[in-house]
PDB file of N, CA and C in Angstrom:
ATOM      1  N   MET A   1     -30.516   2.672  37.450  1.00  0.00           N
ATOM      2  CA  MET A   1     -30.439   2.399  36.036  1.00  0.00           C
ATOM      3  C   MET A   1     -31.687   2.903  35.348  1.00  0.00           C
ATOM      4  N   GLN A   2     -31.474   3.412  34.171  1.00  0.00           N
ATOM      5  CA  GLN A   2     -32.597   3.869  33.376  1.00  0.00           C
ATOM      6  C   GLN A   2     -32.940   2.818  32.346  1.00  0.00           C
ATOM      7  N   GLU A   3     -34.217   2.660  32.109  1.00  0.00           N
ATOM      8  CA  GLU A   3     -34.646   1.737  31.078  1.00  0.00           C
ATOM      9  C   GLU A   3     -34.889   2.517  29.801  1.00  0.00           C
ATOM     10  N   GLU A   4     -34.454   1.932  28.690  1.00  0.00           N
ATOM     11  CA  GLU A   4     -34.701   2.554  27.406  1.00  0.00           C
ATOM     12  C   GLU A   4     -35.962   1.961  26.819  1.00  0.00           C
ATOM     13  N   GLN A   5     -36.764   2.815  26.246  1.00  0.00           N
ATOM     14  CA  GLN A   5     -37.973   2.356  25.593  1.00  0.00           C
ATOM     15  C   GLN A   5     -37.772   2.418  24.091  1.00  0.00           C
ATOM     16  N   THR A   6     -38.183   1.371  23.435  1.00  0.00           N
ATOM     17  CA  THR A   6     -38.095   1.315  21.988  1.00  0.00           C
ATOM     18  C   THR A   6     -39.498   1.388  21.427  1.00  0.00           C
ATOM     19  N   THR A   7     -39.681   2.295  20.501  1.00  0.00           N
ATOM     20  CA  THR A   7     -40.984   2.468  19.884  1.00  0.00           C
ATOM     21  C   THR A   7     -40.875   2.047  18.422  1.00  0.00           C
ATOM     22  N   THR A   8     -41.766   1.190  18.000  1.00  0.00           N
ATOM     23  CA  THR A   8     -41.802   0.757  16.614  1.00  0.00           C
ATOM     24  C   THR A   8     -43.073   1.299  15.995  1.00  0.00           C
ATOM     25  N   ARG A   9     -42.892   1.965  14.870  1.00  0.00           N
ATOM     26  CA  ARG A   9     -44.033   2.556  14.191  1.00  0.00           C
ATOM     27  C   ARG A   9     -44.379   1.693  12.992  1.00  0.00           C
ATOM     28  N   THR A  10     -45.597   1.275  12.905  1.00  0.00           N
ATOM     29  CA  THR A  10     -46.059   0.476  11.784  1.00  0.00           C
ATOM     30  C   THR A  10     -47.137   1.262  11.067  1.00  0.00           C
ATOM     31  N   VAL A  11     -46.949   1.419   9.794  1.00  0.00           N
ATOM     32  CA  VAL A  11     -47.940   2.115   8.988  1.00  0.00           C
ATOM     33  C   VAL A  11     -48.726   1.057   8.231  1.00  0.00           C
ATOM     34  N   ALA A  12     -50.011   1.019   8.484  1.00  0.00           N
ATOM     35  CA  ALA A  12     -50.841  -0.026   7.897  1.00  0.00           C
ATOM     36  C   ALA A  12     -51.049   0.174   6.401  1.00  0.00           C
ATOM     37  N   ASP A  13     -50.989   1.412   5.940  1.00  0.00           N
ATOM     38  CA  ASP A  13     -51.241   1.675   4.526  1.00  0.00           C
ATOM     39  C   ASP A  13     -50.057   1.288   3.640  1.00  0.00           C
ATOM     40  N   GLU A  14     -48.845   1.236   4.198  1.00  0.00           N
ATOM     41  CA  GLU A  14     -47.675   0.914   3.390  1.00  0.00           C
ATOM     42  C   GLU A  14     -47.524  -0.597   3.250  1.00  0.00           C
ATOM     43  N   PRO A  15     -47.257  -1.051   2.045  1.00  0.00           N
ATOM     44  CA  PRO A  15     -46.984  -2.484   1.904  1.00  0.00           C
ATOM     45  C   PRO A  15     -45.637  -2.816   2.549  1.00  0.00           C
ATOM     46  N   ALA A  16     -45.454  -4.066   2.915  1.00  0.00           N
ATOM     47  CA  ALA A  16     -44.229  -4.481   3.603  1.00  0.00           C
ATOM     48  C   ALA A  16     -42.997  -4.228   2.738  1.00  0.00           C
ATOM     49  N   GLU A  17     -43.126  -4.352   1.428  1.00  0.00           N
ATOM     50  CA  GLU A  17     -41.994  -4.145   0.543  1.00  0.00           C
ATOM     51  C   GLU A  17     -41.525  -2.685   0.571  1.00  0.00           C
ATOM     52  N   ALA A  18     -42.421  -1.772   0.755  1.00  0.00           N
ATOM     53  CA  ALA A  18     -42.060  -0.359   0.766  1.00  0.00           C
ATOM     54  C   ALA A  18     -41.321   0.005   2.050  1.00  0.00           C
ATOM     55  N   ARG A  19     -41.638  -0.672   3.135  1.00  0.00           N
ATOM     56  CA  ARG A  19     -40.987  -0.371   4.404  1.00  0.00           C
ATOM     57  C   ARG A  19     -39.581  -0.953   4.488  1.00  0.00           C
ATOM     58  N   ARG A  20     -39.351  -2.020   3.782  1.00  0.00           N
ATOM     59  CA  ARG A  20     -38.054  -2.675   3.820  1.00  0.00           C
ATOM     60  C   ARG A  20     -37.180  -2.053   2.734  1.00  0.00           C
ATOM     61  N   THR A  21     -36.070  -1.501   3.135  1.00  0.00           N
ATOM     62  CA  THR A  21     -35.180  -0.888   2.156  1.00  0.00           C
ATOM     63  C   THR A  21     -33.876  -1.667   2.086  1.00  0.00           C
ATOM     64  N   THR A  22     -33.433  -1.870   0.905  1.00  0.00           N
ATOM     65  CA  THR A  22     -32.159  -2.536   0.674  1.00  0.00           C
ATOM     66  C   THR A  22     -31.266  -1.578  -0.083  1.00  0.00           C
ATOM     67  N   THR A  23     -30.114  -1.367   0.448  1.00  0.00           N
ATOM     68  CA  THR A  23     -29.181  -0.459  -0.187  1.00  0.00           C
ATOM     69  C   THR A  23     -28.008  -1.265  -0.714  1.00  0.00           C
ATOM     70  N   ARG A  24     -27.755  -1.115  -1.985  1.00  0.00           N
ATOM     71  CA  ARG A  24     -26.607  -1.770  -2.587  1.00  0.00           C
ATOM     72  C   ARG A  24     -25.581  -0.703  -2.933  1.00  0.00           C
ATOM     73  N   THR A  25     -24.392  -0.952  -2.500  1.00  0.00           N
ATOM     74  CA  THR A  25     -23.332  -0.028  -2.843  1.00  0.00           C
ATOM     75  C   THR A  25     -22.409  -0.711  -3.834  1.00  0.00           C
ATOM     76  N   SER A  26     -22.041   0.026  -4.832  1.00  0.00           N
ATOM     77  CA  SER A  26     -21.108  -0.529  -5.808  1.00  0.00           C
ATOM     78  C   SER A  26     -19.792   0.234  -5.702  1.00  0.00           C
ATOM     79  N   VAL A  27     -18.739  -0.499  -5.876  1.00  0.00           N
ATOM     80  CA  VAL A  27     -17.412   0.090  -5.797  1.00  0.00           C
ATOM     81  C   VAL A  27     -16.953   0.379  -7.220  1.00  0.00           C
ATOM     82  N   SER A  28     -16.478   1.581  -7.442  1.00  0.00           N
ATOM     83  CA  SER A  28     -16.060   1.969  -8.785  1.00  0.00           C
ATOM     84  C   SER A  28     -14.784   1.236  -9.182  1.00  0.00           C
ATOM     85  N   GLY A  29     -14.549   1.200 -10.472  1.00  0.00           N
ATOM     86  CA  GLY A  29     -13.347   0.556 -10.988  1.00  0.00           C
ATOM     87  C   GLY A  29     -12.077   1.212 -10.502  1.00  0.00           C
ATOM     88  N   ALA A  30     -12.130   2.535 -10.320  1.00  0.00           N
ATOM     89  CA  ALA A  30     -10.951   3.256  -9.839  1.00  0.00           C
ATOM     90  C   ALA A  30     -10.589   2.838  -8.415  1.00  0.00           C
ATOM     91  N   VAL A  31     -11.593   2.603  -7.602  1.00  0.00           N
ATOM     92  CA  VAL A  31     -11.339   2.192  -6.220  1.00  0.00           C
ATOM     93  C   VAL A  31     -10.766   0.777  -6.194  1.00  0.00           C
ATOM     94  N   VAL A  32     -11.304  -0.094  -7.040  1.00  0.00           N
ATOM     95  CA  VAL A  32     -10.781  -1.461  -7.120  1.00  0.00           C
ATOM     96  C   VAL A  32      -9.338  -1.446  -7.605  1.00  0.00           C
ATOM     97  N   ALA A  33      -9.036  -0.633  -8.609  1.00  0.00           N
ATOM     98  CA  ALA A  33      -7.667  -0.524  -9.122  1.00  0.00           C
ATOM     99  C   ALA A  33      -6.729   0.019  -8.047  1.00  0.00           C
ATOM    100  N   ARG A  34      -7.193   1.023  -7.292  1.00  0.00           N
ATOM    101  CA  ARG A  34      -6.366   1.582  -6.219  1.00  0.00           C
ATOM    102  C   ARG A  34      -6.081   0.535  -5.151  1.00  0.00           C
ATOM    103  N   ARG A  35      -7.090  -0.251  -4.813  1.00  0.00           N
ATOM    104  CA  ARG A  35      -6.884  -1.309  -3.818  1.00  0.00           C
ATOM    105  C   ARG A  35      -5.899  -2.357  -4.321  1.00  0.00           C
ATOM    106  N   ALA A  36      -5.975  -2.678  -5.603  1.00  0.00           N
ATOM    107  CA  ALA A  36      -5.042  -3.655  -6.186  1.00  0.00           C
ATOM    108  C   ALA A  36      -3.613  -3.124  -6.151  1.00  0.00           C
ATOM    109  N   VAL A  37      -3.442  -1.844  -6.483  1.00  0.00           N
ATOM    110  CA  VAL A  37      -2.105  -1.234  -6.445  1.00  0.00           C
ATOM    111  C   VAL A  37      -1.570  -1.240  -5.015  1.00  0.00           C
ATOM    112  N   TYR A  38      -2.401  -0.899  -4.041  1.00  0.00           N
ATOM    113  CA  TYR A  38      -1.968  -0.898  -2.651  1.00  0.00           C
ATOM    114  C   TYR A  38      -1.608  -2.312  -2.185  1.00  0.00           C
ATOM    115  N   TRP A  39      -2.378  -3.301  -2.628  1.00  0.00           N
ATOM    116  CA  TRP A  39      -2.099  -4.680  -2.236  1.00  0.00           C
ATOM    117  C   TRP A  39      -0.763  -5.132  -2.818  1.00  0.00           C
ATOM    118  N   ILE A  40      -0.541  -4.885  -4.103  1.00  0.00           N
ATOM    119  CA  ILE A  40       0.711  -5.286  -4.748  1.00  0.00           C
ATOM    120  C   ILE A  40       1.896  -4.547  -4.122  1.00  0.00           C
ATOM    121  N   GLY A  41       1.745  -3.242  -3.917  1.00  0.00           N
ATOM    122  CA  GLY A  41       2.814  -2.466  -3.284  1.00  0.00           C
ATOM    123  C   GLY A  41       3.107  -2.955  -1.877  1.00  0.00           C
ATOM    124  N   GLY A  42       2.069  -3.247  -1.121  1.00  0.00           N
ATOM    125  CA  GLY A  42       2.249  -3.762   0.242  1.00  0.00           C
ATOM    126  C   GLY A  42       2.947  -5.108   0.255  1.00  0.00           C
ATOM    127  N   PHE A  43       2.625  -5.946  -0.726  1.00  0.00           N
ATOM    128  CA  PHE A  43       3.263  -7.257  -0.829  1.00  0.00           C
ATOM    129  C   PHE A  43       4.752  -7.106  -1.133  1.00  0.00           C
ATOM    130  N   ILE A  44       5.092  -6.223  -2.053  1.00  0.00           N
ATOM    131  CA  ILE A  44       6.505  -5.972  -2.390  1.00  0.00           C
ATOM    132  C   ILE A  44       7.250  -5.426  -1.181  1.00  0.00           C
ATOM    133  N   ILE A  45       6.642  -4.480  -0.489  1.00  0.00           N
ATOM    134  CA  ILE A  45       7.277  -3.894   0.698  1.00  0.00           C
ATOM    135  C   ILE A  45       7.466  -4.950   1.784  1.00  0.00           C
ATOM    136  N   ALA A  46       6.492  -5.832   1.951  1.00  0.00           N
ATOM    137  CA  ALA A  46       6.602  -6.895   2.958  1.00  0.00           C
ATOM    138  C   ALA A  46       7.749  -7.848   2.623  1.00  0.00           C
ATOM    139  N   LEU A  47       7.913  -8.177   1.346  1.00  0.00           N
ATOM    140  CA  LEU A  47       9.022  -9.053   0.953  1.00  0.00           C
ATOM    141  C   LEU A  47      10.372  -8.399   1.242  1.00  0.00           C
ATOM    142  N   ILE A  48      10.488  -7.108   0.917  1.00  0.00           N
ATOM    143  CA  ILE A  48      11.755  -6.406   1.163  1.00  0.00           C
ATOM    144  C   ILE A  48      12.001  -6.266   2.666  1.00  0.00           C
ATOM    145  N   ALA A  49      10.960  -6.035   3.438  1.00  0.00           N
ATOM    146  CA  ALA A  49      11.110  -5.946   4.900  1.00  0.00           C
ATOM    147  C   ALA A  49      11.556  -7.286   5.470  1.00  0.00           C
ATOM    148  N   LEU A  50      11.020  -8.363   4.925  1.00  0.00           N
ATOM    149  CA  LEU A  50      11.442  -9.699   5.356  1.00  0.00           C
ATOM    150  C   LEU A  50      12.920  -9.916   5.050  1.00  0.00           C
ATOM    151  N   ARG A  51      13.347  -9.492   3.875  1.00  0.00           N
ATOM    152  CA  ARG A  51      14.766  -9.570   3.496  1.00  0.00           C
ATOM    153  C   ARG A  51      15.623  -8.776   4.482  1.00  0.00           C
ATOM    154  N   PHE A  52      15.183  -7.562   4.803  1.00  0.00           N
ATOM    155  CA  PHE A  52      15.931  -6.706   5.726  1.00  0.00           C
ATOM    156  C   PHE A  52      16.076  -7.384   7.091  1.00  0.00           C
ATOM    157  N   ILE A  53      14.998  -7.953   7.581  1.00  0.00           N
ATOM    158  CA  ILE A  53      15.028  -8.615   8.894  1.00  0.00           C
ATOM    159  C   ILE A  53      15.931  -9.842   8.858  1.00  0.00           C
ATOM    160  N   PHE A  54      15.840 -10.632   7.778  1.00  0.00           N
ATOM    161  CA  PHE A  54      16.701 -11.805   7.662  1.00  0.00           C
ATOM    162  C   PHE A  54      18.177 -11.413   7.662  1.00  0.00           C
ATOM    163  N   LEU A  55      18.518 -10.384   6.906  1.00  0.00           N
ATOM    164  CA  LEU A  55      19.915  -9.945   6.863  1.00  0.00           C
ATOM    165  C   LEU A  55      20.357  -9.361   8.204  1.00  0.00           C
ATOM    166  N   LEU A  56      19.468  -8.620   8.839  1.00  0.00           N
ATOM    167  CA  LEU A  56      19.800  -7.996  10.120  1.00  0.00           C
ATOM    168  C   LEU A  56      20.049  -9.044  11.204  1.00  0.00           C
ATOM    169  N   LEU A  57      19.273 -10.121  11.171  1.00  0.00           N
ATOM    170  CA  LEU A  57      19.402 -11.160  12.193  1.00  0.00           C
ATOM    171  C   LEU A  57      20.380 -12.267  11.794  1.00  0.00           C
ATOM    172  N   GLY A  58      20.963 -12.144  10.607  1.00  0.00           N
ATOM    173  CA  GLY A  58      21.945 -13.135  10.165  1.00  0.00           C
ATOM    174  C   GLY A  58      21.325 -14.478   9.849  1.00  0.00           C
ATOM    175  N   ALA A  59      20.211 -14.486   9.132  1.00  0.00           N
ATOM    176  CA  ALA A  59      19.530 -15.737   8.796  1.00  0.00           C
ATOM    177  C   ALA A  59      20.430 -16.634   7.957  1.00  0.00           C
ATOM    178  N   ASN A  60      20.252 -17.920   8.104  1.00  0.00           N
ATOM    179  CA  ASN A  60      21.050 -18.924   7.402  1.00  0.00           C
ATOM    180  C   ASN A  60      20.738 -18.895   5.906  1.00  0.00           C
ATOM    181  N   ARG A  61      21.715 -18.547   5.103  1.00  0.00           N
ATOM    182  CA  ARG A  61      21.527 -18.488   3.649  1.00  0.00           C
ATOM    183  C   ARG A  61      21.332 -19.869   3.044  1.00  0.00           C
ATOM    184  N   GLY A  62      21.644 -20.907   3.774  1.00  0.00           N
ATOM    185  CA  GLY A  62      21.447 -22.268   3.285  1.00  0.00           C
ATOM    186  C   GLY A  62      19.990 -22.719   3.354  1.00  0.00           C
ATOM    187  N   SER A  63      19.174 -21.992   4.098  1.00  0.00           N
ATOM    188  CA  SER A  63      17.754 -22.316   4.202  1.00  0.00           C
ATOM    189  C   SER A  63      17.061 -21.994   2.878  1.00  0.00           C
ATOM    190  N   GLY A  64      16.210 -22.881   2.428  1.00  0.00           N
ATOM    191  CA  GLY A  64      15.525 -22.700   1.150  1.00  0.00           C
ATOM    192  C   GLY A  64      14.639 -21.464   1.119  1.00  0.00           C
ATOM    193  N   PHE A  65      13.911 -21.231   2.199  1.00  0.00           N
ATOM    194  CA  PHE A  65      12.995 -20.092   2.239  1.00  0.00           C
ATOM    195  C   PHE A  65      13.768 -18.773   2.236  1.00  0.00           C
ATOM    196  N   VAL A  66      14.822 -18.711   3.042  1.00  0.00           N
ATOM    197  CA  VAL A  66      15.627 -17.487   3.116  1.00  0.00           C
ATOM    198  C   VAL A  66      16.274 -17.219   1.764  1.00  0.00           C
ATOM    199  N   ASP A  67      16.806 -18.249   1.135  1.00  0.00           N
ATOM    200  CA  ASP A  67      17.419 -18.098  -0.175  1.00  0.00           C
ATOM    201  C   ASP A  67      16.404 -17.660  -1.218  1.00  0.00           C
ATOM    202  N   PHE A  68      15.190 -18.193  -1.139  1.00  0.00           N
ATOM    203  CA  PHE A  68      14.112 -17.797  -2.049  1.00  0.00           C
ATOM    204  C   PHE A  68      13.781 -16.319  -1.900  1.00  0.00           C
ATOM    205  N   ILE A  69      13.678 -15.839  -0.667  1.00  0.00           N
ATOM    206  CA  ILE A  69      13.376 -14.421  -0.421  1.00  0.00           C
ATOM    207  C   ILE A  69      14.499 -13.539  -0.947  1.00  0.00           C
ATOM    208  N   TYR A  70      15.761 -13.928  -0.715  1.00  0.00           N
ATOM    209  CA  TYR A  70      16.892 -13.149  -1.222  1.00  0.00           C
ATOM    210  C   TYR A  70      16.877 -13.091  -2.742  1.00  0.00           C
ATOM    211  N   ASP A  71      16.662 -14.232  -3.393  1.00  0.00           N
ATOM    212  CA  ASP A  71      16.635 -14.260  -4.858  1.00  0.00           C
ATOM    213  C   ASP A  71      15.487 -13.426  -5.420  1.00  0.00           C
ATOM    214  N   LEU A  72      14.333 -13.497  -4.764  1.00  0.00           N
ATOM    215  CA  LEU A  72      13.151 -12.773  -5.231  1.00  0.00           C
ATOM    216  C   LEU A  72      13.318 -11.266  -5.088  1.00  0.00           C
ATOM    217  N   THR A  73      13.964 -10.840  -4.031  1.00  0.00           N
ATOM    218  CA  THR A  73      14.064  -9.404  -3.759  1.00  0.00           C
ATOM    219  C   THR A  73      15.347  -8.758  -4.280  1.00  0.00           C
ATOM    220  N   ASN A  74      16.288  -9.543  -4.772  1.00  0.00           N
ATOM    221  CA  ASN A  74      17.521  -8.963  -5.320  1.00  0.00           C
ATOM    222  C   ASN A  74      17.212  -7.953  -6.422  1.00  0.00           C
ATOM    223  N   VAL A  75      16.287  -8.286  -7.296  1.00  0.00           N
ATOM    224  CA  VAL A  75      15.927  -7.403  -8.407  1.00  0.00           C
ATOM    225  C   VAL A  75      15.296  -6.114  -7.898  1.00  0.00           C
ATOM    226  N   LEU A  76      14.530  -6.209  -6.827  1.00  0.00           N
ATOM    227  CA  LEU A  76      13.832  -5.043  -6.295  1.00  0.00           C
ATOM    228  C   LEU A  76      14.773  -4.091  -5.543  1.00  0.00           C
ATOM    229  N   VAL A  77      15.803  -4.628  -4.914  1.00  0.00           N
ATOM    230  CA  VAL A  77      16.701  -3.832  -4.098  1.00  0.00           C
ATOM    231  C   VAL A  77      17.912  -3.342  -4.902  1.00  0.00           C
ATOM    232  N   ALA A  78      18.225  -4.019  -5.988  1.00  0.00           N
ATOM    233  CA  ALA A  78      19.431  -3.709  -6.771  1.00  0.00           C
ATOM    234  C   ALA A  78      19.549  -2.242  -7.202  1.00  0.00           C
ATOM    235  N   PRO A  79      18.475  -1.563  -7.633  1.00  0.00           N
ATOM    236  CA  PRO A  79      18.638  -0.159  -8.045  1.00  0.00           C
ATOM    237  C   PRO A  79      19.099   0.776  -6.922  1.00  0.00           C
ATOM    238  N   PHE A  80      18.956   0.353  -5.687  1.00  0.00           N
ATOM    239  CA  PHE A  80      19.278   1.215  -4.552  1.00  0.00           C
ATOM    240  C   PHE A  80      20.582   0.822  -3.867  1.00  0.00           C
ATOM    241  N   SER A  81      21.266  -0.179  -4.389  1.00  0.00           N
ATOM    242  CA  SER A  81      22.538  -0.619  -3.804  1.00  0.00           C
ATOM    243  C   SER A  81      23.612   0.433  -4.032  1.00  0.00           C
ATOM    244  N   GLY A  82      24.417   0.642  -3.030  1.00  0.00           N
ATOM    245  CA  GLY A  82      25.536   1.566  -3.140  1.00  0.00           C
ATOM    246  C   GLY A  82      25.213   3.013  -2.833  1.00  0.00           C
ATOM    247  N   ILE A  83      23.958   3.330  -2.530  1.00  0.00           N
ATOM    248  CA  ILE A  83      23.621   4.709  -2.190  1.00  0.00           C
ATOM    249  C   ILE A  83      24.262   5.090  -0.854  1.00  0.00           C
ATOM    250  N   PHE A  84      24.143   4.211   0.119  1.00  0.00           N
ATOM    251  CA  PHE A  84      24.741   4.413   1.435  1.00  0.00           C
ATOM    252  C   PHE A  84      25.621   3.214   1.749  1.00  0.00           C
ATOM    253  N   GLY A  85      26.495   3.393   2.708  1.00  0.00           N
ATOM    254  CA  GLY A  85      27.303   2.269   3.174  1.00  0.00           C
ATOM    255  C   GLY A  85      26.425   1.278   3.918  1.00  0.00           C
ATOM    256  N   GLU A  86      26.850   0.031   3.907  1.00  0.00           N
ATOM    257  CA  GLU A  86      26.055  -1.008   4.570  1.00  0.00           C
ATOM    258  C   GLU A  86      26.945  -1.738   5.570  1.00  0.00           C
ATOM    259  N   PRO A  87      26.841  -1.358   6.848  1.00  0.00           N
ATOM    260  CA  PRO A  87      27.718  -1.942   7.868  1.00  0.00           C
ATOM    261  C   PRO A  87      27.393  -3.411   8.149  1.00  0.00           C
ATOM    262  N   THR A  88      28.438  -4.143   8.496  1.00  0.00           N
ATOM    263  CA  THR A  88      28.308  -5.550   8.848  1.00  0.00           C
ATOM    264  C   THR A  88      28.723  -5.724  10.297  1.00  0.00           C
ATOM    265  N   PHE A  89      27.943  -6.479  11.041  1.00  0.00           N
ATOM    266  CA  PHE A  89      28.227  -6.763  12.444  1.00  0.00           C
ATOM    267  C   PHE A  89      28.260  -8.278  12.620  1.00  0.00           C
ATOM    268  N   GLY A  90      29.419  -8.890  12.443  1.00  0.00           N
ATOM    269  CA  GLY A  90      29.506 -10.348  12.524  1.00  0.00           C
ATOM    270  C   GLY A  90      28.760 -10.957  11.343  1.00  0.00           C
ATOM    271  N   VAL A  91      27.737 -11.755  11.634  1.00  0.00           N
ATOM    272  CA  VAL A  91      26.925 -12.327  10.560  1.00  0.00           C
ATOM    273  C   VAL A  91      25.741 -11.428  10.231  1.00  0.00           C
ATOM    274  N   ALA A  92      25.472 -10.437  11.071  1.00  0.00           N
ATOM    275  CA  ALA A  92      24.362  -9.515  10.828  1.00  0.00           C
ATOM    276  C   ALA A  92      24.784  -8.452   9.822  1.00  0.00           C
ATOM    277  N   TYR A  93      23.840  -8.038   9.014  1.00  0.00           N
ATOM    278  CA  TYR A  93      24.128  -7.118   7.920  1.00  0.00           C
ATOM    279  C   TYR A  93      23.015  -6.084   7.868  1.00  0.00           C
ATOM    280  N   PHE A  94      23.352  -4.819   8.069  1.00  0.00           N
ATOM    281  CA  PHE A  94      22.359  -3.742   8.047  1.00  0.00           C
ATOM    282  C   PHE A  94      22.283  -3.203   6.624  1.00  0.00           C
ATOM    283  N   GLU A  95      21.301  -3.653   5.875  1.00  0.00           N
ATOM    284  CA  GLU A  95      21.189  -3.294   4.464  1.00  0.00           C
ATOM    285  C   GLU A  95      20.366  -2.015   4.306  1.00  0.00           C
ATOM    286  N   THR A  96      21.064  -0.901   4.166  1.00  0.00           N
ATOM    287  CA  THR A  96      20.375   0.379   4.006  1.00  0.00           C
ATOM    288  C   THR A  96      19.664   0.467   2.661  1.00  0.00           C
ATOM    289  N   SER A  97      20.156  -0.252   1.656  1.00  0.00           N
ATOM    290  CA  SER A  97      19.479  -0.221   0.359  1.00  0.00           C
ATOM    291  C   SER A  97      18.081  -0.812   0.447  1.00  0.00           C
ATOM    292  N   ALA A  98      17.870  -1.790   1.334  1.00  0.00           N
ATOM    293  CA  ALA A  98      16.531  -2.352   1.521  1.00  0.00           C
ATOM    294  C   ALA A  98      15.603  -1.318   2.170  1.00  0.00           C
ATOM    295  N   LEU A  99      16.132  -0.552   3.115  1.00  0.00           N
ATOM    296  CA  LEU A  99      15.311   0.492   3.745  1.00  0.00           C
ATOM    297  C   LEU A  99      14.938   1.581   2.747  1.00  0.00           C
ATOM    298  N   VAL A 100      15.902   1.974   1.913  1.00  0.00           N
ATOM    299  CA  VAL A 100      15.621   2.977   0.888  1.00  0.00           C
ATOM    300  C   VAL A 100      14.583   2.432  -0.095  1.00  0.00           C
ATOM    301  N   ALA A 101      14.716   1.156  -0.461  1.00  0.00           N
ATOM    302  CA  ALA A 101      13.753   0.532  -1.375  1.00  0.00           C
ATOM    303  C   ALA A 101      12.347   0.522  -0.776  1.00  0.00           C
ATOM    304  N   ILE A 102      12.238   0.218   0.507  1.00  0.00           N
ATOM    305  CA  ILE A 102      10.924   0.215   1.168  1.00  0.00           C
ATOM    306  C   ILE A 102      10.294   1.601   1.097  1.00  0.00           C
ATOM    307  N   ILE A 103      11.077   2.623   1.371  1.00  0.00           N
ATOM    308  CA  ILE A 103      10.553   3.999   1.344  1.00  0.00           C
ATOM    309  C   ILE A 103      10.146   4.395  -0.071  1.00  0.00           C
ATOM    310  N   ILE A 104      11.001   4.126  -1.043  1.00  0.00           N
ATOM    311  CA  ILE A 104      10.713   4.516  -2.431  1.00  0.00           C
ATOM    312  C   ILE A 104       9.506   3.757  -2.971  1.00  0.00           C
ATOM    313  N   TYR A 105       9.461   2.438  -2.753  1.00  0.00           N
ATOM    314  CA  TYR A 105       8.314   1.666  -3.244  1.00  0.00           C
ATOM    315  C   TYR A 105       7.024   2.058  -2.529  1.00  0.00           C
ATOM    316  N   GLY A 106       7.126   2.446  -1.273  1.00  0.00           N
ATOM    317  CA  GLY A 106       5.947   2.940  -0.555  1.00  0.00           C
ATOM    318  C   GLY A 106       5.422   4.229  -1.165  1.00  0.00           C
ATOM    319  N   LEU A 107       6.320   5.147  -1.464  1.00  0.00           N
ATOM    320  CA  LEU A 107       5.911   6.413  -2.087  1.00  0.00           C
ATOM    321  C   LEU A 107       5.347   6.196  -3.493  1.00  0.00           C
ATOM    322  N   ILE A 108       5.966   5.308  -4.252  1.00  0.00           N
ATOM    323  CA  ILE A 108       5.459   5.004  -5.598  1.00  0.00           C
ATOM    324  C   ILE A 108       4.075   4.380  -5.512  1.00  0.00           C
ATOM    325  N   THR A 109       3.876   3.471  -4.573  1.00  0.00           N
ATOM    326  CA  THR A 109       2.571   2.827  -4.402  1.00  0.00           C
ATOM    327  C   THR A 109       1.496   3.846  -4.058  1.00  0.00           C
ATOM    328  N   ILE A 110       1.788   4.731  -3.138  1.00  0.00           N
ATOM    329  CA  ILE A 110       0.816   5.760  -2.760  1.00  0.00           C
ATOM    330  C   ILE A 110       0.536   6.679  -3.942  1.00  0.00           C
ATOM    331  N   GLY A 111       1.578   7.073  -4.669  1.00  0.00           N
ATOM    332  CA  GLY A 111       1.397   7.965  -5.816  1.00  0.00           C
ATOM    333  C   GLY A 111       0.544   7.340  -6.906  1.00  0.00           C
ATOM    334  N   ILE A 112       0.825   6.089  -7.260  1.00  0.00           N
ATOM    335  CA  ILE A 112       0.032   5.418  -8.292  1.00  0.00           C
ATOM    336  C   ILE A 112      -1.396   5.202  -7.802  1.00  0.00           C
ATOM    337  N   GLY A 113      -1.546   4.845  -6.528  1.00  0.00           N
ATOM    338  CA  GLY A 113      -2.889   4.650  -5.973  1.00  0.00           C
ATOM    339  C   GLY A 113      -3.716   5.926  -6.016  1.00  0.00           C
ATOM    340  N   LYS A 114      -3.092   7.048  -5.739  1.00  0.00           N
ATOM    341  CA  LYS A 114      -3.805   8.334  -5.772  1.00  0.00           C
ATOM    342  C   LYS A 114      -4.195   8.739  -7.192  1.00  0.00           C
ATOM    343  N   LEU A 115      -3.412   8.329  -8.183  1.00  0.00           N
ATOM    344  CA  LEU A 115      -3.732   8.669  -9.570  1.00  0.00           C
ATOM    345  C   LEU A 115      -5.081   8.096 -10.011  1.00  0.00           C
ATOM    346  N   PHE A 116      -5.460   6.942  -9.477  1.00  0.00           N
ATOM    347  CA  PHE A 116      -6.717   6.323  -9.870  1.00  0.00           C
ATOM    348  C   PHE A 116      -7.934   7.089  -9.383  1.00  0.00           C
ATOM    349  N   THR A 117      -7.796   7.813  -8.304  1.00  0.00           N
ATOM    350  CA  THR A 117      -8.931   8.548  -7.745  1.00  0.00           C
ATOM    351  C   THR A 117      -8.678  10.050  -7.759  1.00  0.00           C
ATOM    352  N   LEU A 118      -7.867  10.511  -8.702  1.00  0.00           N
ATOM    353  CA  LEU A 118      -7.484  11.901  -8.737  1.00  0.00           C
ATOM    354  C   LEU A 118      -8.649  12.846  -9.013  1.00  0.00           C
ATOM    355  N   ASN A 119      -9.479  12.534  -9.993  1.00  0.00           N
ATOM    356  CA  ASN A 119     -10.574  13.450 -10.307  1.00  0.00           C
ATOM    357  C   ASN A 119     -11.895  13.032  -9.681  1.00  0.00           C
ATOM    358  N   ARG A 120     -11.849  12.182  -8.692  1.00  0.00           N
ATOM    359  CA  ARG A 120     -13.042  11.744  -7.987  1.00  0.00           C
ATOM    360  C   ARG A 120     -13.446  12.817  -6.972  1.00  0.00           C
ATOM    361  N   SER A 121     -14.708  13.179  -6.942  1.00  0.00           N
ATOM    362  CA  SER A 121     -15.151  14.231  -6.022  1.00  0.00           C
ATOM    363  C   SER A 121     -15.200  13.692  -4.593  1.00  0.00           C
ATOM    364  N   VAL A 122     -14.868  14.531  -3.655  1.00  0.00           N
ATOM    365  CA  VAL A 122     -14.864  14.167  -2.250  1.00  0.00           C
ATOM    366  C   VAL A 122     -16.141  14.711  -1.638  1.00  0.00           C
ATOM    367  N   ASN A 123     -16.854  13.851  -0.926  1.00  0.00           N
ATOM    368  CA  ASN A 123     -18.110  14.268  -0.278  1.00  0.00           C
ATOM    369  C   ASN A 123     -17.870  14.654   1.144  1.00  0.00           C
TER     370      ASN A 123
END
């Protein structure tokens, strides 16, 4: 095994305050806005994915939570209903409109998020 040696250099002429550096980074408003858009978009996509899983597994519509998710996401999925057929397997339901909604809302989220940092220079 090799031992590592650490060397500390102390300059007697420099005051202690000069040797200690504190770096503060500030996040621009555009970055904060982009993060907010991504968070909201991710939340919407997660709700629709939850709806898709509940329908796929045949979740009990009598459950309050399941009914709440269906009611909340009906408005979000409605524009994409009827684009493709939606097969039913017993109580399970493969909702293709929910998958299309996830893809479209994902693309919209990325597009809006990119608009906030469009003219920002890349280092």
